[in-house]
Each structure stands twice: as C-alpha cells, then as structure tokens.
Amino acid sequence: MLIAVTKYLTIVGILSLRYLLVAGGYYLLTWKLLKKHIGRFLVNPRAPFQGQEVFELKYAVITTLIFGIGGLHFYFAKELGLGFIYENIGEYGWGYWWFSLFAMLLLNDIYFYWTHRALHIKALFSRYHSIHHKSRVTTPLTSQSFHAVETAINTLIAIIFPYIMPIHPTAYIAFTIVAFLNNVYGHSNYDWVQAPLRNYVPFSLLNSPSVHGLHHEKVHGNYGLYTNIWDRLHGTYVDPGKARAL
C-alpha cells in the first residue's frame, strides 16, 4: 500500500510540474510577456472570462489526479506482468517502437473523435463537457481543464493500450508527452502556421489552434484531437478561414 501511495504521489508530482512548467510557462510567454509582439498569430482576439485562470487551474488539479491513476496503473501492470509491456527494446526493435507510438496516437485520435462527439450530446454536454467549454477563448491552461468524468473517459484509452499491443515504457511515456504538448498548443490560441501554408498538407490535416479554437468559439464541429481527418470524413469539419469570413 505504501509503495502504491508513494508511486502515485511521485507520478502526480511529475505531472503537476509538467503542467505548471510547460502549460504555465507557455501561457506566461504568449499571453503576458510577448502578447504585444505576436498579435498576428492570435486566433481569437476576445478576452478570456473573468477568473478563467483560477477556474482552469482548479480543474487541472482534478485532471492531474486522475491522470496519475492512469500512470499508476501502467506502473503496476508492468511490475505484475499484466498485458504486453516489455522492457528490452531489442525484443521488437526500434521500428516497432515507432510503430507502437504511431498506433497509440492513431487509436487515440479515433477514440477521442467519437467520445468527443458523444460528449456534445445535450445531456452529456451540460453535465460534463460544458466545464471545458466554459473557456470560449482558450489558453494553454485550458489544456487540462476538464470535468472528472471527461478526464476518466480520456484516460481509459491509455489504460487499454498495454492489453492490445506490446508497449515499451518509453514509447508509452513518449505518447503521453506528445498528447500533452498537442493539447497545450491546440488550446494556446496562437497559431504559428499562418495562411496560406496551413491550407496545404500536412498542416491542413492537423488540429491546429485555429481549428480547435473555432470548436471552442462555435461549440460544434472540429471534434478531432491530433488531426481533423475524421472530421473531414464524417462531415463535421469547419474551415476556420471560411467560418470567420462569414
């Protein structure tokens, strides 16, 4: 029991530090220090609601505690020999390592699209997802501002991964880092890739701050996580350039 508590607190501590340094640091850099110099990259020029920082930090604490459970699960799954977690990269090679990372990101992208659309069902939206959408103008701090139920849904796919494919711990960690950085950048409200470049592949297929920012602004459409491929395939993609031109 003591080992579990110690590991859990360690994981939560690392995740908290990551959020504060990366999301918090990026927020201070873009929204405070450089704001006057990077206005041309701003997606939504409106101001965040009063008290948004405190609101998002409060929910980020809840999100971090739940993410910690996911991390603790992976640790004990590895220690107890559950699933298909392996320790020697040479067992499958670096080619598979990269494949497993890509597979996790792809499955996460598909999973998120459909669960996100489900959370926009009126009953689920008002009860759970509205917490995240309270931030109509997003900032890097919005990246972990979720209701506990939504966080649990988002964490579930990561818990399942070791049971459906061989996963090396470093690949799993890399997946969590990519997911985190994508979320911070996607909610930053600053899009460094400007038109016309973002109209061409691969930028046109990525879920940029412009694409996800429009989702927060308009509420519906653009449900993707890393890409907008599933939005395009299922008719839920809204082009931010055309939408704001209306």
Protein backbone atom coordinates (compact mmCIF):
# COMPACT_ATOMS: atom_id res chain seq x y z
CA MET A 1 0.00 0.00 0.00
CA LEU A 2 2.83 2.38 0.90
CA ILE A 3 4.54 1.69 -2.42
CA ALA A 4 1.32 2.48 -4.31
CA VAL A 5 0.83 5.76 -2.45
CA THR A 6 4.47 6.75 -2.93
CA LYS A 7 4.39 5.95 -6.65
CA TYR A 8 1.08 7.73 -7.10
CA LEU A 9 2.30 10.89 -5.38
CA THR A 10 5.50 10.79 -7.43
CA ILE A 11 3.57 10.50 -10.69
CA VAL A 12 1.15 13.27 -9.70
CA GLY A 13 4.10 15.44 -8.71
CA ILE A 14 5.76 14.94 -12.10
CA LEU A 15 2.52 15.62 -13.98
CA SER A 16 1.84 18.73 -11.91
CA LEU A 17 5.33 20.07 -12.52
CA ARG A 18 4.95 19.35 -16.23
CA TYR A 19 1.69 21.27 -16.39
CA LEU A 20 2.99 24.23 -14.43
CA LEU A 21 6.27 24.49 -16.32
CA VAL A 22 5.05 23.77 -19.85
CA ALA A 23 1.42 24.97 -19.92
CA GLY A 24 2.03 27.68 -17.32
CA GLY A 25 5.30 28.75 -18.91
CA TYR A 26 3.79 28.86 -22.40
CA TYR A 27 0.86 30.86 -21.04
CA LEU A 28 3.15 33.44 -19.42
CA LEU A 29 5.30 33.64 -22.55
CA THR A 30 2.47 34.10 -25.08
CA TRP A 31 -0.28 35.75 -23.05
CA LYS A 32 1.86 38.02 -20.88
CA LEU A 33 5.45 38.60 -21.99
CA LEU A 34 5.16 38.54 -25.79
CA LYS A 35 1.48 39.40 -26.25
CA LYS A 36 2.14 42.81 -27.82
CA HIS A 37 4.57 41.36 -30.36
CA ILE A 38 2.73 38.25 -31.61
CA GLY A 39 -0.73 39.61 -32.27
CA ARG A 40 -0.75 38.46 -35.90
CA PHE A 41 -0.66 34.84 -34.71
CA LEU A 42 -3.65 35.26 -32.36
CA VAL A 43 -6.64 33.09 -33.27
CA ASN A 44 -9.49 34.51 -31.16
CA PRO A 45 -8.92 38.17 -30.17
CA ARG A 46 -11.56 38.17 -27.45
CA ALA A 47 -10.53 38.20 -23.79
CA PRO A 48 -10.89 35.16 -21.50
CA PHE A 49 -13.72 35.34 -18.99
CA GLN A 50 -13.04 36.91 -15.61
CA GLY A 51 -11.46 34.39 -13.27
CA GLN A 52 -10.66 31.94 -16.07
CA GLU A 53 -7.12 31.28 -14.83
CA VAL A 54 -8.28 30.18 -11.37
CA PHE A 55 -11.15 28.18 -12.84
CA GLU A 56 -8.85 26.25 -15.17
CA LEU A 57 -6.18 25.67 -12.55
CA LYS A 58 -8.80 24.21 -10.21
CA TYR A 59 -9.96 21.68 -12.77
CA ALA A 60 -6.39 21.00 -13.85
CA VAL A 61 -5.75 19.69 -10.33
CA ILE A 62 -8.60 17.20 -10.69
CA THR A 63 -7.40 16.18 -14.14
CA THR A 64 -3.85 15.63 -12.87
CA LEU A 65 -5.06 13.42 -10.03
CA ILE A 66 -6.95 11.21 -12.49
CA PHE A 67 -4.06 11.12 -14.96
CA GLY A 68 -1.98 9.95 -12.01
CA ILE A 69 -4.21 6.90 -11.65
CA GLY A 70 -3.56 6.05 -15.28
CA GLY A 71 0.18 6.32 -14.73
CA LEU A 72 -0.02 4.21 -11.58
CA HIS A 73 -1.94 1.55 -13.45
CA PHE A 74 0.78 1.31 -16.10
CA TYR A 75 3.46 1.00 -13.41
CA PHE A 76 1.72 -1.88 -11.63
CA ALA A 77 0.75 -3.56 -14.91
CA LYS A 78 4.47 -3.61 -15.74
CA GLU A 79 5.50 -4.83 -12.29
CA LEU A 80 2.87 -7.57 -12.19
CA GLY A 81 3.43 -8.71 -15.77
CA LEU A 82 -0.02 -7.74 -16.96
CA GLY A 83 -0.71 -7.04 -20.60
CA PHE A 84 2.07 -6.87 -23.20
CA ILE A 85 4.55 -4.48 -21.62
CA TYR A 86 8.16 -5.33 -22.50
CA GLU A 87 11.43 -3.83 -21.20
CA ASN A 88 14.04 -4.73 -23.82
CA ILE A 89 13.68 -2.57 -26.94
CA GLY A 90 15.74 -5.13 -28.84
CA GLU A 91 12.96 -7.66 -28.37
CA TYR A 92 10.86 -5.92 -31.04
CA GLY A 93 13.35 -3.37 -32.39
CA TRP A 94 13.18 0.38 -32.91
CA GLY A 95 10.98 0.00 -35.96
CA TYR A 96 8.23 -1.50 -33.81
CA TRP A 97 8.85 1.11 -31.10
CA TRP A 98 7.98 3.87 -33.58
CA PHE A 99 5.08 1.85 -34.95
CA SER A 100 3.62 1.38 -31.45
CA LEU A 101 3.89 5.11 -30.78
CA PHE A 102 2.13 5.89 -34.08
CA ALA A 103 -0.52 3.23 -33.36
CA MET A 104 -1.28 4.72 -29.94
CA LEU A 105 -1.61 8.20 -31.40
CA LEU A 106 -3.83 6.95 -34.23
CA LEU A 107 -6.12 4.96 -31.93
CA ASN A 108 -6.26 7.86 -29.51
CA ASP A 109 -7.21 10.20 -32.36
CA ILE A 110 -10.09 7.95 -33.47
CA TYR A 111 -11.23 7.25 -29.90
CA PHE A 112 -11.19 10.93 -28.98
CA TYR A 113 -13.15 11.98 -32.04
CA TRP A 114 -16.07 9.69 -31.22
CA THR A 115 -16.07 10.20 -27.46
CA HIS A 116 -15.81 13.94 -28.01
CA ARG A 117 -18.80 13.88 -30.35
CA ALA A 118 -20.69 11.84 -27.75
CA LEU A 119 -19.89 14.43 -25.09
CA HIS A 120 -21.64 17.00 -27.27
CA ILE A 121 -24.94 15.18 -26.86
CA LYS A 122 -27.07 17.70 -24.97
CA ALA A 123 -27.39 15.76 -21.70
CA LEU A 124 -23.70 14.85 -21.55
CA PHE A 125 -22.56 18.29 -22.65
CA SER A 126 -24.48 20.17 -19.99
CA ARG A 127 -23.42 17.80 -17.23
CA TYR A 128 -19.77 17.17 -18.11
CA HIS A 129 -18.27 18.75 -21.22
CA SER A 130 -19.58 22.24 -20.53
CA ILE A 131 -16.80 22.62 -17.94
CA HIS A 132 -14.21 22.53 -20.70
CA HIS A 133 -16.29 24.75 -22.98
CA LYS A 134 -16.70 27.42 -20.35
CA SER A 135 -13.40 28.64 -21.80
CA ARG A 136 -14.71 30.02 -25.11
CA VAL A 137 -11.35 31.73 -25.56
CA THR A 138 -8.70 29.13 -24.82
CA THR A 139 -5.23 29.45 -23.30
CA PRO A 140 -2.53 26.85 -22.60
CA LEU A 141 -4.09 26.45 -19.14
CA THR A 142 -7.30 25.21 -20.77
CA SER A 143 -5.42 22.08 -21.86
CA GLN A 144 -6.28 20.26 -18.62
CA SER A 145 -9.49 21.98 -17.60
CA PHE A 146 -11.95 19.06 -17.70
CA HIS A 147 -14.72 17.54 -15.62
CA ALA A 148 -13.54 14.42 -13.79
CA VAL A 149 -15.82 12.16 -15.85
CA GLU A 150 -14.44 13.52 -19.12
CA THR A 151 -10.89 13.08 -17.86
CA ALA A 152 -11.65 9.47 -16.93
CA ILE A 153 -13.02 8.85 -20.43
CA ASN A 154 -9.90 10.37 -22.00
CA THR A 155 -7.64 8.30 -19.73
CA LEU A 156 -9.38 5.00 -20.46
CA ILE A 157 -7.84 4.53 -23.90
CA ALA A 158 -4.32 4.90 -22.49
CA ILE A 159 -5.10 2.29 -19.82
CA ILE A 160 -6.23 -0.15 -22.53
CA PHE A 161 -3.13 0.16 -24.75
CA PRO A 162 -0.88 -2.34 -22.90
CA TYR A 163 -3.59 -5.01 -23.27
CA ILE A 164 -3.98 -4.76 -27.03
CA MET A 165 -0.37 -4.44 -28.23
CA PRO A 166 3.20 -4.78 -26.95
CA ILE A 167 4.24 -1.45 -25.43
CA HIS A 168 7.65 -0.35 -24.20
CA PRO A 169 7.51 2.04 -21.21
CA THR A 170 9.46 4.72 -23.09
CA ALA A 171 7.02 4.55 -26.01
CA TYR A 172 4.14 4.94 -23.55
CA ILE A 173 5.83 7.94 -21.94
CA ALA A 174 6.50 9.43 -25.39
CA PHE A 175 2.81 9.01 -26.21
CA THR A 176 1.74 10.88 -23.06
CA ILE A 177 4.22 13.69 -23.81
CA VAL A 178 3.03 14.10 -27.41
CA ALA A 179 -0.60 14.08 -26.23
CA PHE A 180 0.14 16.69 -23.58
CA LEU A 181 2.11 19.02 -25.88
CA ASN A 182 -0.57 18.72 -28.56
CA ASN A 183 -3.23 19.72 -26.04
CA VAL A 184 -1.23 22.69 -24.77
CA TYR A 185 -0.50 24.00 -28.25
CA GLY A 186 -4.01 23.27 -29.54
CA HIS A 187 -5.53 25.37 -26.76
CA SER A 188 -2.90 28.13 -26.83
CA ASN A 189 -4.93 30.44 -29.12
CA TYR A 190 -1.76 31.22 -31.07
CA ASP A 191 -1.28 29.52 -34.42
CA TRP A 192 2.31 29.77 -35.65
CA VAL A 193 1.44 28.25 -39.04
CA GLN A 194 -0.19 31.02 -41.00
CA ALA A 195 -2.23 31.00 -44.21
CA PRO A 196 -1.67 30.10 -46.97
CA LEU A 197 0.75 27.47 -45.60
CA ARG A 198 -1.85 25.91 -43.31
CA ASN A 199 -4.04 25.27 -46.34
CA TYR A 200 -1.62 22.61 -47.56
CA VAL A 201 -0.79 19.10 -46.32
CA PRO A 202 0.31 18.23 -43.68
CA PHE A 203 -0.72 21.43 -41.90
CA SER A 204 -4.23 21.37 -43.36
CA LEU A 205 -4.86 17.98 -41.71
CA LEU A 206 -3.61 18.90 -38.25
CA ASN A 207 -5.87 20.01 -35.43
CA SER A 208 -4.24 23.41 -35.04
CA PRO A 209 -5.13 26.19 -32.59
CA SER A 210 -7.15 27.75 -35.43
CA VAL A 211 -9.19 24.57 -35.94
CA HIS A 212 -9.71 23.74 -32.26
CA GLY A 213 -10.13 27.37 -31.30
CA LEU A 214 -13.10 27.54 -33.65
CA HIS A 215 -14.56 24.49 -31.90
CA HIS A 216 -14.50 26.36 -28.59
CA GLU A 217 -15.83 29.51 -30.18
CA LYS A 218 -18.69 27.89 -32.13
CA VAL A 219 -19.12 24.81 -29.84
CA HIS A 220 -19.93 22.34 -32.64
CA GLY A 221 -17.70 20.84 -35.33
CA ASN A 222 -13.94 20.13 -35.35
CA TYR A 223 -14.03 17.34 -32.76
CA GLY A 224 -10.60 15.89 -33.60
CA LEU A 225 -7.59 15.63 -31.31
CA TYR A 226 -4.37 15.46 -33.35
CA THR A 227 -5.90 15.67 -36.80
CA ASN A 228 -9.10 16.81 -38.48
CA ILE A 229 -9.15 13.76 -40.77
CA TRP A 230 -12.15 12.17 -39.02
CA ASP A 231 -14.00 15.48 -39.09
CA ARG A 232 -13.45 15.68 -42.84
CA LEU A 233 -14.54 12.07 -43.37
CA HIS A 234 -17.72 12.45 -41.29
CA GLY A 235 -18.78 15.93 -42.36
CA THR A 236 -18.03 17.75 -39.10
CA TYR A 237 -15.05 19.77 -40.28
CA VAL A 238 -15.45 23.54 -40.21
CA ASP A 239 -12.77 25.53 -42.02
CA PRO A 240 -11.68 28.32 -39.63
CA GLY A 241 -10.74 30.63 -42.51
CA LYS A 242 -14.13 30.36 -44.20
CA ALA A 243 -16.12 30.37 -40.94
CA ARG A 244 -14.55 33.61 -39.73
CA ALA A 245 -15.01 35.19 -43.14
CA LEU A 246 -18.78 34.82 -42.88
